[in-house]
PDB file of all heavy atoms in Angstrom:
ATOM      1  N   VAL A   1      10.093 -19.222   4.291  1.00  0.00           N
ATOM      2  CA  VAL A   1       9.164 -20.275   4.624  1.00  0.00           C
ATOM      3  C   VAL A   1      10.102 -21.307   5.349  1.00  0.00           C
ATOM      4  O   VAL A   1      11.009 -21.891   4.700  1.00  0.00           O
ATOM      5  CB  VAL A   1       8.489 -20.925   3.471  1.00  0.00           C
ATOM      6  CG1 VAL A   1       7.567 -22.085   3.871  1.00  0.00           C
ATOM      7  CG2 VAL A   1       7.693 -19.866   2.745  1.00  0.00           C
ATOM      8  N   SER A   2       9.962 -21.501   6.599  1.00  0.00           N
ATOM      9  CA  SER A   2      10.736 -22.504   7.370  1.00  0.00           C
ATOM     10  C   SER A   2       9.946 -23.833   7.319  1.00  0.00           C
ATOM     11  O   SER A   2       8.794 -23.886   7.690  1.00  0.00           O
ATOM     12  CB  SER A   2      10.929 -22.048   8.845  1.00  0.00           C
ATOM     13  OG  SER A   2      11.555 -23.052   9.533  1.00  0.00           O
ATOM     14  N   LEU A   3      10.648 -24.901   7.048  1.00  0.00           N
ATOM     15  CA  LEU A   3      10.070 -26.248   6.873  1.00  0.00           C
ATOM     16  C   LEU A   3      10.308 -27.198   8.062  1.00  0.00           C
ATOM     17  O   LEU A   3      10.488 -28.258   7.980  1.00  0.00           O
ATOM     18  CB  LEU A   3      10.523 -26.922   5.582  1.00  0.00           C
ATOM     19  CG  LEU A   3      10.373 -25.957   4.328  1.00  0.00           C
ATOM     20  CD1 LEU A   3      10.999 -26.675   3.206  1.00  0.00           C
ATOM     21  CD2 LEU A   3       8.909 -25.737   4.080  1.00  0.00           C
ATOM     22  N   GLY A   4      10.287 -26.584   9.241  1.00  0.00           N
ATOM     23  CA  GLY A   4      10.335 -27.314  10.485  1.00  0.00           C
ATOM     24  C   GLY A   4      11.748 -27.565  10.986  1.00  0.00           C
ATOM     25  O   GLY A   4      11.989 -28.388  11.869  1.00  0.00           O
ATOM     26  N   GLY A   5      12.794 -26.858  10.507  1.00  0.00           N
ATOM     27  CA  GLY A   5      14.074 -26.936  10.947  1.00  0.00           C
ATOM     28  C   GLY A   5      14.946 -28.093  10.457  1.00  0.00           C
ATOM     29  O   GLY A   5      16.077 -28.343  10.915  1.00  0.00           O
ATOM     30  N   HIS A   6      14.343 -28.894   9.504  1.00  0.00           N
ATOM     31  CA  HIS A   6      15.162 -30.023   8.968  1.00  0.00           C
ATOM     32  C   HIS A   6      14.977 -30.029   7.448  1.00  0.00           C
ATOM     33  O   HIS A   6      13.953 -29.467   6.921  1.00  0.00           O
ATOM     34  CB  HIS A   6      14.666 -31.353   9.601  1.00  0.00           C
ATOM     35  CG  HIS A   6      13.221 -31.617   9.391  1.00  0.00           C
ATOM     36  ND1 HIS A   6      12.296 -31.109  10.240  1.00  0.00           N
ATOM     37  CD2 HIS A   6      12.600 -32.316   8.417  1.00  0.00           C
ATOM     38  CE1 HIS A   6      11.104 -31.596   9.784  1.00  0.00           C
ATOM     39  NE2 HIS A   6      11.213 -32.301   8.685  1.00  0.00           N
ATOM     40  N   CYS A   7      15.930 -30.623   6.720  1.00  0.00           N
ATOM     41  CA  CYS A   7      15.871 -30.642   5.248  1.00  0.00           C
ATOM     42  C   CYS A   7      14.733 -31.564   4.804  1.00  0.00           C
ATOM     43  O   CYS A   7      14.650 -32.646   5.282  1.00  0.00           O
ATOM     44  CB  CYS A   7      17.283 -31.008   4.783  1.00  0.00           C
ATOM     45  SG  CYS A   7      18.555 -29.853   5.067  1.00  0.00           S
ATOM     46  N   THR A   8      14.110 -31.042   3.854  1.00  0.00           N
ATOM     47  CA  THR A   8      12.998 -31.892   3.286  1.00  0.00           C
ATOM     48  C   THR A   8      12.784 -31.447   1.825  1.00  0.00           C
ATOM     49  O   THR A   8      13.312 -30.302   1.408  1.00  0.00           O
ATOM     50  CB  THR A   8      11.684 -31.745   4.058  1.00  0.00           C
ATOM     51  OG1 THR A   8      10.765 -32.669   3.604  1.00  0.00           O
ATOM     52  CG2 THR A   8      11.138 -30.302   3.957  1.00  0.00           C
ATOM     53  N   SER A   9      12.018 -32.191   1.112  1.00  0.00           N
ATOM     54  CA  SER A   9      11.699 -31.929  -0.345  1.00  0.00           C
ATOM     55  C   SER A   9      10.217 -31.895  -0.416  1.00  0.00           C
ATOM     56  O   SER A   9       9.431 -32.532   0.218  1.00  0.00           O
ATOM     57  CB  SER A   9      12.296 -32.965  -1.229  1.00  0.00           C
ATOM     58  OG  SER A   9      13.777 -33.003  -1.098  1.00  0.00           O
ATOM     59  N   GLY A  10       9.737 -31.039  -1.447  1.00  0.00           N
ATOM     60  CA  GLY A  10       8.352 -30.845  -1.690  1.00  0.00           C
ATOM     61  C   GLY A  10       8.062 -29.764  -2.633  1.00  0.00           C
ATOM     62  O   GLY A  10       8.940 -29.349  -3.367  1.00  0.00           O
ATOM     63  N   THR A  11       6.821 -29.226  -2.444  1.00  0.00           N
ATOM     64  CA  THR A  11       6.412 -28.140  -3.276  1.00  0.00           C
ATOM     65  C   THR A  11       5.698 -27.089  -2.453  1.00  0.00           C
ATOM     66  O   THR A  11       4.852 -27.370  -1.720  1.00  0.00           O
ATOM     67  CB  THR A  11       5.357 -28.651  -4.445  1.00  0.00           C
ATOM     68  OG1 THR A  11       5.938 -29.674  -5.173  1.00  0.00           O
ATOM     69  CG2 THR A  11       4.967 -27.551  -5.315  1.00  0.00           C
ATOM     70  N   ILE A  12       6.119 -25.788  -2.638  1.00  0.00           N
ATOM     71  CA  ILE A  12       5.456 -24.669  -2.032  1.00  0.00           C
ATOM     72  C   ILE A  12       4.625 -23.961  -3.166  1.00  0.00           C
ATOM     73  O   ILE A  12       5.181 -23.641  -4.254  1.00  0.00           O
ATOM     74  CB  ILE A  12       6.438 -23.605  -1.495  1.00  0.00           C
ATOM     75  CG1 ILE A  12       7.241 -24.294  -0.299  1.00  0.00           C
ATOM     76  CG2 ILE A  12       5.729 -22.350  -1.096  1.00  0.00           C
ATOM     77  CD1 ILE A  12       8.368 -23.396   0.163  1.00  0.00           C
ATOM     78  N   THR A  13       3.356 -23.760  -2.848  1.00  0.00           N
ATOM     79  CA  THR A  13       2.466 -23.246  -3.805  1.00  0.00           C
ATOM     80  C   THR A  13       1.780 -21.957  -3.131  1.00  0.00           C
ATOM     81  O   THR A  13       1.331 -22.135  -2.011  1.00  0.00           O
ATOM     82  CB  THR A  13       1.402 -24.178  -4.341  1.00  0.00           C
ATOM     83  OG1 THR A  13       2.022 -25.390  -4.803  1.00  0.00           O
ATOM     84  CG2 THR A  13       0.588 -23.518  -5.472  1.00  0.00           C
ATOM     85  N   VAL A  14       1.657 -20.894  -3.897  1.00  0.00           N
ATOM     86  CA  VAL A  14       0.998 -19.770  -3.317  1.00  0.00           C
ATOM     87  C   VAL A  14      -0.312 -19.470  -4.152  1.00  0.00           C
ATOM     88  O   VAL A  14      -0.191 -19.488  -5.489  1.00  0.00           O
ATOM     89  CB  VAL A  14       1.856 -18.438  -3.431  1.00  0.00           C
ATOM     90  CG1 VAL A  14       1.218 -17.292  -2.899  1.00  0.00           C
ATOM     91  CG2 VAL A  14       3.139 -18.727  -2.669  1.00  0.00           C
ATOM     92  N   PHE A  15      -1.394 -19.347  -3.462  1.00  0.00           N
ATOM     93  CA  PHE A  15      -2.731 -19.124  -4.120  1.00  0.00           C
ATOM     94  C   PHE A  15      -3.240 -17.746  -3.689  1.00  0.00           C
ATOM     95  O   PHE A  15      -2.971 -17.309  -2.566  1.00  0.00           O
ATOM     96  CB  PHE A  15      -3.749 -20.159  -3.772  1.00  0.00           C
ATOM     97  CG  PHE A  15      -3.432 -21.530  -4.136  1.00  0.00           C
ATOM     98  CD1 PHE A  15      -2.738 -22.392  -3.244  1.00  0.00           C
ATOM     99  CD2 PHE A  15      -3.700 -22.020  -5.413  1.00  0.00           C
ATOM    100  CE1 PHE A  15      -2.417 -23.640  -3.593  1.00  0.00           C
ATOM    101  CE2 PHE A  15      -3.372 -23.319  -5.746  1.00  0.00           C
ATOM    102  CZ  PHE A  15      -2.735 -24.172  -4.810  1.00  0.00           C
ATOM    103  N   ASP A  16      -3.986 -17.124  -4.605  1.00  0.00           N
ATOM    104  CA  ASP A  16      -4.583 -15.802  -4.170  1.00  0.00           C
ATOM    105  C   ASP A  16      -5.920 -16.157  -3.623  1.00  0.00           C
ATOM    106  O   ASP A  16      -6.352 -17.330  -3.517  1.00  0.00           O
ATOM    107  CB  ASP A  16      -4.728 -14.845  -5.225  1.00  0.00           C
ATOM    108  CG  ASP A  16      -5.591 -15.222  -6.452  1.00  0.00           C
ATOM    109  OD1 ASP A  16      -6.344 -16.210  -6.260  1.00  0.00           O
ATOM    110  OD2 ASP A  16      -5.607 -14.581  -7.510  1.00  0.00           O
ATOM    111  N   ILE A  17      -6.711 -15.152  -3.191  1.00  0.00           N
ATOM    112  CA  ILE A  17      -8.005 -15.385  -2.482  1.00  0.00           C
ATOM    113  C   ILE A  17      -9.064 -15.985  -3.385  1.00  0.00           C
ATOM    114  O   ILE A  17     -10.031 -16.672  -2.941  1.00  0.00           O
ATOM    115  CB  ILE A  17      -8.518 -14.129  -1.884  1.00  0.00           C
ATOM    116  CG1 ILE A  17      -9.699 -14.365  -0.932  1.00  0.00           C
ATOM    117  CG2 ILE A  17      -8.931 -13.153  -2.998  1.00  0.00           C
ATOM    118  CD1 ILE A  17      -9.354 -15.194   0.266  1.00  0.00           C
ATOM    119  N   GLN A  18      -8.856 -15.896  -4.626  1.00  0.00           N
ATOM    120  CA  GLN A  18      -9.790 -16.547  -5.713  1.00  0.00           C
ATOM    121  C   GLN A  18      -9.355 -17.932  -5.967  1.00  0.00           C
ATOM    122  O   GLN A  18     -10.120 -18.581  -6.829  1.00  0.00           O
ATOM    123  CB  GLN A  18      -9.794 -15.683  -6.971  1.00  0.00           C
ATOM    124  CG  GLN A  18     -10.221 -14.271  -6.750  1.00  0.00           C
ATOM    125  CD  GLN A  18     -11.601 -14.147  -6.225  1.00  0.00           C
ATOM    126  OE1 GLN A  18     -12.483 -14.925  -6.559  1.00  0.00           O
ATOM    127  NE2 GLN A  18     -11.810 -13.199  -5.351  1.00  0.00           N
ATOM    128  N   GLY A  19      -8.303 -18.433  -5.458  1.00  0.00           N
ATOM    129  CA  GLY A  19      -7.922 -19.796  -5.610  1.00  0.00           C
ATOM    130  C   GLY A  19      -6.928 -20.004  -6.852  1.00  0.00           C
ATOM    131  O   GLY A  19      -6.578 -21.074  -7.191  1.00  0.00           O
ATOM    132  N   ARG A  20      -6.584 -18.901  -7.391  1.00  0.00           N
ATOM    133  CA  ARG A  20      -5.653 -18.897  -8.553  1.00  0.00           C
ATOM    134  C   ARG A  20      -4.200 -19.196  -8.048  1.00  0.00           C
ATOM    135  O   ARG A  20      -3.792 -18.520  -7.149  1.00  0.00           O
ATOM    136  CB  ARG A  20      -5.761 -17.706  -9.404  1.00  0.00           C
ATOM    137  CG  ARG A  20      -7.037 -17.475 -10.156  1.00  0.00           C
ATOM    138  CD  ARG A  20      -7.015 -16.227 -10.987  1.00  0.00           C
ATOM    139  NE  ARG A  20      -6.837 -15.005 -10.179  1.00  0.00           N
ATOM    140  CZ  ARG A  20      -7.890 -14.179  -9.928  1.00  0.00           C
ATOM    141  NH1 ARG A  20      -9.041 -14.451 -10.367  1.00  0.00           N
ATOM    142  NH2 ARG A  20      -7.699 -13.107  -9.126  1.00  0.00           N
ATOM    143  N   MET A  21      -3.559 -20.110  -8.772  1.00  0.00           N
ATOM    144  CA  MET A  21      -2.124 -20.274  -8.355  1.00  0.00           C
ATOM    145  C   MET A  21      -1.296 -19.215  -8.797  1.00  0.00           C
ATOM    146  O   MET A  21      -1.198 -18.837  -9.971  1.00  0.00           O
ATOM    147  CB  MET A  21      -1.684 -21.635  -8.967  1.00  0.00           C
ATOM    148  CG  MET A  21      -0.321 -22.068  -8.497  1.00  0.00           C
ATOM    149  SD  MET A  21       0.285 -23.652  -9.176  1.00  0.00           S
ATOM    150  CE  MET A  21       0.440 -23.197 -10.913  1.00  0.00           C
ATOM    151  N   ILE A  22      -0.498 -18.575  -7.908  1.00  0.00           N
ATOM    152  CA  ILE A  22       0.359 -17.392  -8.237  1.00  0.00           C
ATOM    153  C   ILE A  22       1.732 -17.928  -8.393  1.00  0.00           C
ATOM    154  O   ILE A  22       2.430 -17.459  -9.322  1.00  0.00           O
ATOM    155  CB  ILE A  22       0.334 -16.384  -7.070  1.00  0.00           C
ATOM    156  CG1 ILE A  22      -1.148 -15.947  -6.779  1.00  0.00           C
ATOM    157  CG2 ILE A  22       1.206 -15.243  -7.361  1.00  0.00           C
ATOM    158  CD1 ILE A  22      -1.783 -15.265  -8.044  1.00  0.00           C
ATOM    159  N   GLN A  23       2.251 -18.818  -7.586  1.00  0.00           N
ATOM    160  CA  GLN A  23       3.551 -19.294  -7.657  1.00  0.00           C
ATOM    161  C   GLN A  23       3.614 -20.780  -7.294  1.00  0.00           C
ATOM    162  O   GLN A  23       2.841 -21.298  -6.486  1.00  0.00           O
ATOM    163  CB  GLN A  23       4.512 -18.554  -6.703  1.00  0.00           C
ATOM    164  CG  GLN A  23       4.742 -17.029  -7.040  1.00  0.00           C
ATOM    165  CD  GLN A  23       5.216 -16.220  -5.805  1.00  0.00           C
ATOM    166  OE1 GLN A  23       4.492 -15.487  -5.118  1.00  0.00           O
ATOM    167  NE2 GLN A  23       6.509 -16.249  -5.659  1.00  0.00           N
ATOM    168  N   ASN A  24       4.516 -21.481  -7.925  1.00  0.00           N
ATOM    169  CA  ASN A  24       4.787 -22.964  -7.582  1.00  0.00           C
ATOM    170  C   ASN A  24       6.269 -23.143  -7.596  1.00  0.00           C
ATOM    171  O   ASN A  24       6.914 -23.032  -8.657  1.00  0.00           O
ATOM    172  CB  ASN A  24       4.063 -23.751  -8.638  1.00  0.00           C
ATOM    173  CG  ASN A  24       3.870 -25.127  -8.190  1.00  0.00           C
ATOM    174  OD1 ASN A  24       3.320 -25.428  -7.131  1.00  0.00           O
ATOM    175  ND2 ASN A  24       4.362 -26.111  -8.997  1.00  0.00           N
ATOM    176  N   ILE A  25       6.786 -23.507  -6.453  1.00  0.00           N
ATOM    177  CA  ILE A  25       8.272 -23.612  -6.199  1.00  0.00           C
ATOM    178  C   ILE A  25       8.570 -25.072  -5.726  1.00  0.00           C
ATOM    179  O   ILE A  25       7.959 -25.508  -4.791  1.00  0.00           O
ATOM    180  CB  ILE A  25       8.738 -22.576  -5.213  1.00  0.00           C
ATOM    181  CG1 ILE A  25       8.437 -21.153  -5.783  1.00  0.00           C
ATOM    182  CG2 ILE A  25      10.246 -22.767  -4.974  1.00  0.00           C
ATOM    183  CD1 ILE A  25       8.695 -20.114  -4.741  1.00  0.00           C
ATOM    184  N   HIS A  26       9.448 -25.702  -6.356  1.00  0.00           N
ATOM    185  CA  HIS A  26       9.872 -27.024  -5.946  1.00  0.00           C
ATOM    186  C   HIS A  26      11.058 -26.923  -5.056  1.00  0.00           C
ATOM    187  O   HIS A  26      12.008 -26.170  -5.274  1.00  0.00           O
ATOM    188  CB  HIS A  26      10.236 -27.935  -7.236  1.00  0.00           C
ATOM    189  CG  HIS A  26       9.074 -28.228  -8.106  1.00  0.00           C
ATOM    190  ND1 HIS A  26       8.169 -29.139  -7.803  1.00  0.00           N
ATOM    191  CD2 HIS A  26       8.795 -27.670  -9.344  1.00  0.00           C
ATOM    192  CE1 HIS A  26       7.221 -29.146  -8.809  1.00  0.00           C
ATOM    193  NE2 HIS A  26       7.633 -28.218  -9.712  1.00  0.00           N
ATOM    194  N   VAL A  27      10.989 -27.563  -3.893  1.00  0.00           N
ATOM    195  CA  VAL A  27      11.966 -27.550  -2.859  1.00  0.00           C
ATOM    196  C   VAL A  27      12.742 -28.859  -2.941  1.00  0.00           C
ATOM    197  O   VAL A  27      12.099 -29.872  -2.857  1.00  0.00           O
ATOM    198  CB  VAL A  27      11.362 -27.331  -1.457  1.00  0.00           C
ATOM    199  CG1 VAL A  27      12.439 -27.292  -0.437  1.00  0.00           C
ATOM    200  CG2 VAL A  27      10.514 -25.993  -1.433  1.00  0.00           C
ATOM    201  N   LEU A  28      14.085 -28.804  -2.918  1.00  0.00           N
ATOM    202  CA  LEU A  28      14.869 -29.976  -2.916  1.00  0.00           C
ATOM    203  C   LEU A  28      15.800 -29.949  -1.742  1.00  0.00           C
ATOM    204  O   LEU A  28      16.730 -29.250  -1.738  1.00  0.00           O
ATOM    205  CB  LEU A  28      15.636 -30.200  -4.193  1.00  0.00           C
ATOM    206  CG  LEU A  28      16.494 -31.424  -4.377  1.00  0.00           C
ATOM    207  CD1 LEU A  28      15.659 -32.577  -4.342  1.00  0.00           C
ATOM    208  CD2 LEU A  28      17.275 -31.351  -5.721  1.00  0.00           C
ATOM    209  N   ASN A  29      15.557 -30.881  -0.762  1.00  0.00           N
ATOM    210  CA  ASN A  29      16.459 -31.105   0.332  1.00  0.00           C
ATOM    211  C   ASN A  29      16.856 -29.745   1.042  1.00  0.00           C
ATOM    212  O   ASN A  29      18.083 -29.502   1.124  1.00  0.00           O
ATOM    213  CB  ASN A  29      17.712 -31.876  -0.074  1.00  0.00           C
ATOM    214  CG  ASN A  29      18.451 -32.438   0.996  1.00  0.00           C
ATOM    215  OD1 ASN A  29      17.873 -32.748   2.163  1.00  0.00           O
ATOM    216  ND2 ASN A  29      19.803 -32.660   0.926  1.00  0.00           N
ATOM    217  N   SER A  30      15.888 -29.079   1.487  1.00  0.00           N
ATOM    218  CA  SER A  30      16.140 -27.728   2.083  1.00  0.00           C
ATOM    219  C   SER A  30      15.322 -27.595   3.414  1.00  0.00           C
ATOM    220  O   SER A  30      14.252 -28.186   3.528  1.00  0.00           O
ATOM    221  CB  SER A  30      15.779 -26.609   1.106  1.00  0.00           C
ATOM    222  OG  SER A  30      15.971 -25.308   1.759  1.00  0.00           O
ATOM    223  N   SER A  31      15.786 -26.737   4.285  1.00  0.00           N
ATOM    224  CA  SER A  31      15.007 -26.500   5.517  1.00  0.00           C
ATOM    225  C   SER A  31      14.244 -25.244   5.479  1.00  0.00           C
ATOM    226  O   SER A  31      13.434 -24.942   6.387  1.00  0.00           O
ATOM    227  CB  SER A  31      15.921 -26.506   6.754  1.00  0.00           C
ATOM    228  OG  SER A  31      16.918 -25.512   6.665  1.00  0.00           O
ATOM    229  N   LYS A  32      14.659 -24.270   4.582  1.00  0.00           N
ATOM    230  CA  LYS A  32      13.916 -22.987   4.568  1.00  0.00           C
ATOM    231  C   LYS A  32      13.962 -22.476   3.096  1.00  0.00           C
ATOM    232  O   LYS A  32      14.993 -22.834   2.314  1.00  0.00           O
ATOM    233  CB  LYS A  32      14.484 -21.999   5.440  1.00  0.00           C
ATOM    234  CG  LYS A  32      15.880 -21.636   5.271  1.00  0.00           C
ATOM    235  CD  LYS A  32      16.353 -20.598   6.369  1.00  0.00           C
ATOM    236  CE  LYS A  32      16.264 -21.093   7.682  1.00  0.00           C
ATOM    237  NZ  LYS A  32      16.768 -20.118   8.770  1.00  0.00           N
ATOM    238  N   VAL A  33      13.050 -21.713   2.724  1.00  0.00           N
ATOM    239  CA  VAL A  33      12.958 -21.091   1.369  1.00  0.00           C
ATOM    240  C   VAL A  33      12.648 -19.653   1.507  1.00  0.00           C
ATOM    241  O   VAL A  33      11.711 -19.227   2.190  1.00  0.00           O
ATOM    242  CB  VAL A  33      11.972 -21.805   0.539  1.00  0.00           C
ATOM    243  CG1 VAL A  33      11.846 -21.119  -0.881  1.00  0.00           C
ATOM    244  CG2 VAL A  33      12.294 -23.299   0.316  1.00  0.00           C
TER     245      VAL A  33
END
């Protein structure tokens, strides 16, 4: 997951088609995960 080529912080969340949260990853000062 590229976050636009610059370092940023936030949260990446993956949901399935039913809307259930599959993964939740906290991003700290990174440009890609």
